[in-house]
Amino acid sequence: MDVVYASLKRRDRGAVAPGEASEVVGILWAHALPGDALQHITARSQDDRVDLLLYLLTRPADGPSDPVASAHTLITRGHRASPLLSRRYHPLAPDTC
């Protein structure tokens, strides 16, 4: 299993809404595809960001495996598709995760 850390930076600092981390996790699960190899997500909300740990199934040695790129693709897909994520957080930079 591969673990990737990423943060979504808030557009506005402020009080953390109850259940916010769960909302982010739910949105990411809703936009996950089988090819993402997503196994589990943990999230923790901070005043200026939400921190994510994405647990991805390790790919076989003979297949392509870039867990950072997979995590980035999943988070970006969720951010683009979810009005809540796009309103609340900045998009990930191309080289971050």
C-alpha atoms as a PDB file:
ATOM      1  CA  MET A   1       0.000   0.000   0.000  1.00  0.00           C
ATOM      2  CA  ASP A   2       1.194   3.499  -0.848  1.00  0.00           C
ATOM      3  CA  VAL A   3       0.300   6.520   1.299  1.00  0.00           C
ATOM      4  CA  VAL A   4       0.206  10.021  -0.172  1.00  0.00           C
ATOM      5  CA  TYR A   5      -0.107  13.228   1.871  1.00  0.00           C
ATOM      6  CA  ALA A   6      -1.817  16.263   0.356  1.00  0.00           C
ATOM      7  CA  SER A   7      -3.367  19.485   1.633  1.00  0.00           C
ATOM      8  CA  LEU A   8      -6.137  21.603   0.212  1.00  0.00           C
ATOM      9  CA  LYS A   9      -5.583  25.233   1.197  1.00  0.00           C
ATOM     10  CA  ARG A  10      -8.651  27.226   2.195  1.00  0.00           C
ATOM     11  CA  ARG A  11      -9.722  30.213   0.195  1.00  0.00           C
ATOM     12  CA  ASP A  12     -10.786  31.905   3.455  1.00  0.00           C
ATOM     13  CA  ARG A  13      -9.377  31.197   6.900  1.00  0.00           C
ATOM     14  CA  GLY A  14     -11.914  30.733   9.591  1.00  0.00           C
ATOM     15  CA  ALA A  15     -13.668  28.376  11.902  1.00  0.00           C
ATOM     16  CA  VAL A  16     -13.775  24.760  10.799  1.00  0.00           C
ATOM     17  CA  ALA A  17     -17.309  23.622  10.066  1.00  0.00           C
ATOM     18  CA  PRO A  18     -18.415  20.487  11.917  1.00  0.00           C
ATOM     19  CA  GLY A  19     -18.109  17.460   9.674  1.00  0.00           C
ATOM     20  CA  GLU A  20     -15.971  19.279   7.124  1.00  0.00           C
ATOM     21  CA  ALA A  21     -13.296  16.567   6.946  1.00  0.00           C
ATOM     22  CA  SER A  22     -15.994  13.951   6.401  1.00  0.00           C
ATOM     23  CA  GLU A  23     -17.504  16.019   3.590  1.00  0.00           C
ATOM     24  CA  VAL A  24     -14.154  16.186   1.806  1.00  0.00           C
ATOM     25  CA  VAL A  25     -13.616  12.444   2.195  1.00  0.00           C
ATOM     26  CA  GLY A  26     -17.120  11.745   0.875  1.00  0.00           C
ATOM     27  CA  ILE A  27     -16.580  13.967  -2.150  1.00  0.00           C
ATOM     28  CA  LEU A  28     -13.300  12.276  -3.005  1.00  0.00           C
ATOM     29  CA  TRP A  29     -14.873   8.820  -2.677  1.00  0.00           C
ATOM     30  CA  ALA A  30     -17.754   9.912  -4.899  1.00  0.00           C
ATOM     31  CA  HIS A  31     -15.309  10.859  -7.655  1.00  0.00           C
ATOM     32  CA  ALA A  32     -12.886   7.943  -7.274  1.00  0.00           C
ATOM     33  CA  LEU A  33     -12.564   5.548 -10.189  1.00  0.00           C
ATOM     34  CA  PRO A  34     -11.443   1.912  -9.973  1.00  0.00           C
ATOM     35  CA  GLY A  35      -8.179   2.823 -11.706  1.00  0.00           C
ATOM     36  CA  ASP A  36      -7.311   5.208  -8.856  1.00  0.00           C
ATOM     37  CA  ALA A  37      -6.666   2.159  -6.631  1.00  0.00           C
ATOM     38  CA  LEU A  38      -8.023   4.109  -3.648  1.00  0.00           C
ATOM     39  CA  GLN A  39      -8.337   2.037  -0.481  1.00  0.00           C
ATOM     40  CA  HIS A  40      -8.843   4.560   2.329  1.00  0.00           C
ATOM     41  CA  ILE A  41      -8.777   8.300   3.043  1.00  0.00           C
ATOM     42  CA  THR A  42      -8.207  10.134   6.294  1.00  0.00           C
ATOM     43  CA  ALA A  43      -8.705  13.876   6.666  1.00  0.00           C
ATOM     44  CA  ARG A  44      -8.095  16.491   9.340  1.00  0.00           C
ATOM     45  CA  SER A  45      -9.334  20.058   9.138  1.00  0.00           C
ATOM     46  CA  GLN A  46      -7.145  22.984  10.182  1.00  0.00           C
ATOM     47  CA  ASP A  47      -7.915  26.712  10.164  1.00  0.00           C
ATOM     48  CA  ASP A  48      -6.131  27.242   6.855  1.00  0.00           C
ATOM     49  CA  ARG A  49      -6.380  23.816   5.166  1.00  0.00           C
ATOM     50  CA  VAL A  50      -7.597  20.262   5.197  1.00  0.00           C
ATOM     51  CA  ASP A  51      -4.865  17.617   5.362  1.00  0.00           C
ATOM     52  CA  LEU A  52      -5.412  14.345   3.543  1.00  0.00           C
ATOM     53  CA  LEU A  53      -3.775  10.940   3.650  1.00  0.00           C
ATOM     54  CA  LEU A  54      -4.741   8.816   0.661  1.00  0.00           C
ATOM     55  CA  TYR A  55      -4.025   5.106   0.908  1.00  0.00           C
ATOM     56  CA  LEU A  56      -3.621   3.580  -2.540  1.00  0.00           C
ATOM     57  CA  LEU A  57      -3.219  -0.031  -3.543  1.00  0.00           C
ATOM     58  CA  THR A  58       0.356  -0.656  -4.653  1.00  0.00           C
ATOM     59  CA  ARG A  59       0.471  -1.552  -8.324  1.00  0.00           C
ATOM     60  CA  PRO A  60       2.260  -4.686  -9.527  1.00  0.00           C
ATOM     61  CA  ALA A  61       5.915  -4.252 -10.404  1.00  0.00           C
ATOM     62  CA  ASP A  62       5.204  -4.839 -14.090  1.00  0.00           C
ATOM     63  CA  GLY A  63       2.515  -2.130 -14.285  1.00  0.00           C
ATOM     64  CA  PRO A  64       2.621   1.648 -14.079  1.00  0.00           C
ATOM     65  CA  SER A  65       2.718   2.981 -10.544  1.00  0.00           C
ATOM     66  CA  ASP A  66       2.847   6.616  -9.583  1.00  0.00           C
ATOM     67  CA  PRO A  67       0.848   7.027  -6.383  1.00  0.00           C
ATOM     68  CA  VAL A  68       1.499  10.778  -6.200  1.00  0.00           C
ATOM     69  CA  ALA A  69       0.159  11.307  -9.718  1.00  0.00           C
ATOM     70  CA  SER A  70      -2.863   9.086  -8.944  1.00  0.00           C
ATOM     71  CA  ALA A  71      -3.652  11.034  -5.775  1.00  0.00           C
ATOM     72  CA  HIS A  72      -3.230  14.363  -7.564  1.00  0.00           C
ATOM     73  CA  THR A  73      -5.550  13.237 -10.371  1.00  0.00           C
ATOM     74  CA  LEU A  74      -8.222  12.088  -7.927  1.00  0.00           C
ATOM     75  CA  ILE A  75      -8.125  15.283  -5.844  1.00  0.00           C
ATOM     76  CA  THR A  76      -8.145  17.470  -8.961  1.00  0.00           C
ATOM     77  CA  ARG A  77     -11.096  15.520 -10.399  1.00  0.00           C
ATOM     78  CA  GLY A  78     -13.038  15.952  -7.162  1.00  0.00           C
ATOM     79  CA  HIS A  79     -12.157  19.640  -6.943  1.00  0.00           C
ATOM     80  CA  ARG A  80     -13.343  20.316 -10.496  1.00  0.00           C
ATOM     81  CA  ALA A  81     -16.577  18.359 -10.085  1.00  0.00           C
ATOM     82  CA  SER A  82     -17.579  19.550  -6.619  1.00  0.00           C
ATOM     83  CA  PRO A  83     -18.912  23.079  -6.133  1.00  0.00           C
ATOM     84  CA  LEU A  84     -18.256  22.748  -2.388  1.00  0.00           C
ATOM     85  CA  LEU A  85     -14.572  21.898  -2.857  1.00  0.00           C
ATOM     86  CA  SER A  86     -14.022  24.523  -5.521  1.00  0.00           C
ATOM     87  CA  ARG A  87     -15.679  27.249  -3.423  1.00  0.00           C
ATOM     88  CA  ARG A  88     -13.928  26.331  -0.183  1.00  0.00           C
ATOM     89  CA  TYR A  89     -10.411  25.367  -1.328  1.00  0.00           C
ATOM     90  CA  HIS A  90      -7.795  26.417  -3.851  1.00  0.00           C
ATOM     91  CA  PRO A  91      -6.982  23.830  -6.528  1.00  0.00           C
ATOM     92  CA  LEU A  92      -3.822  21.798  -6.092  1.00  0.00           C
ATOM     93  CA  ALA A  93      -0.748  23.124  -7.820  1.00  0.00           C
ATOM     94  CA  PRO A  94       0.413  20.852 -10.659  1.00  0.00           C
ATOM     95  CA  ASP A  95       3.456  19.548  -8.793  1.00  0.00           C
ATOM     96  CA  THR A  96       2.029  19.167  -5.279  1.00  0.00           C
ATOM     97  CA  CYS A  97       0.780  16.220  -3.291  1.00  0.00           C
END
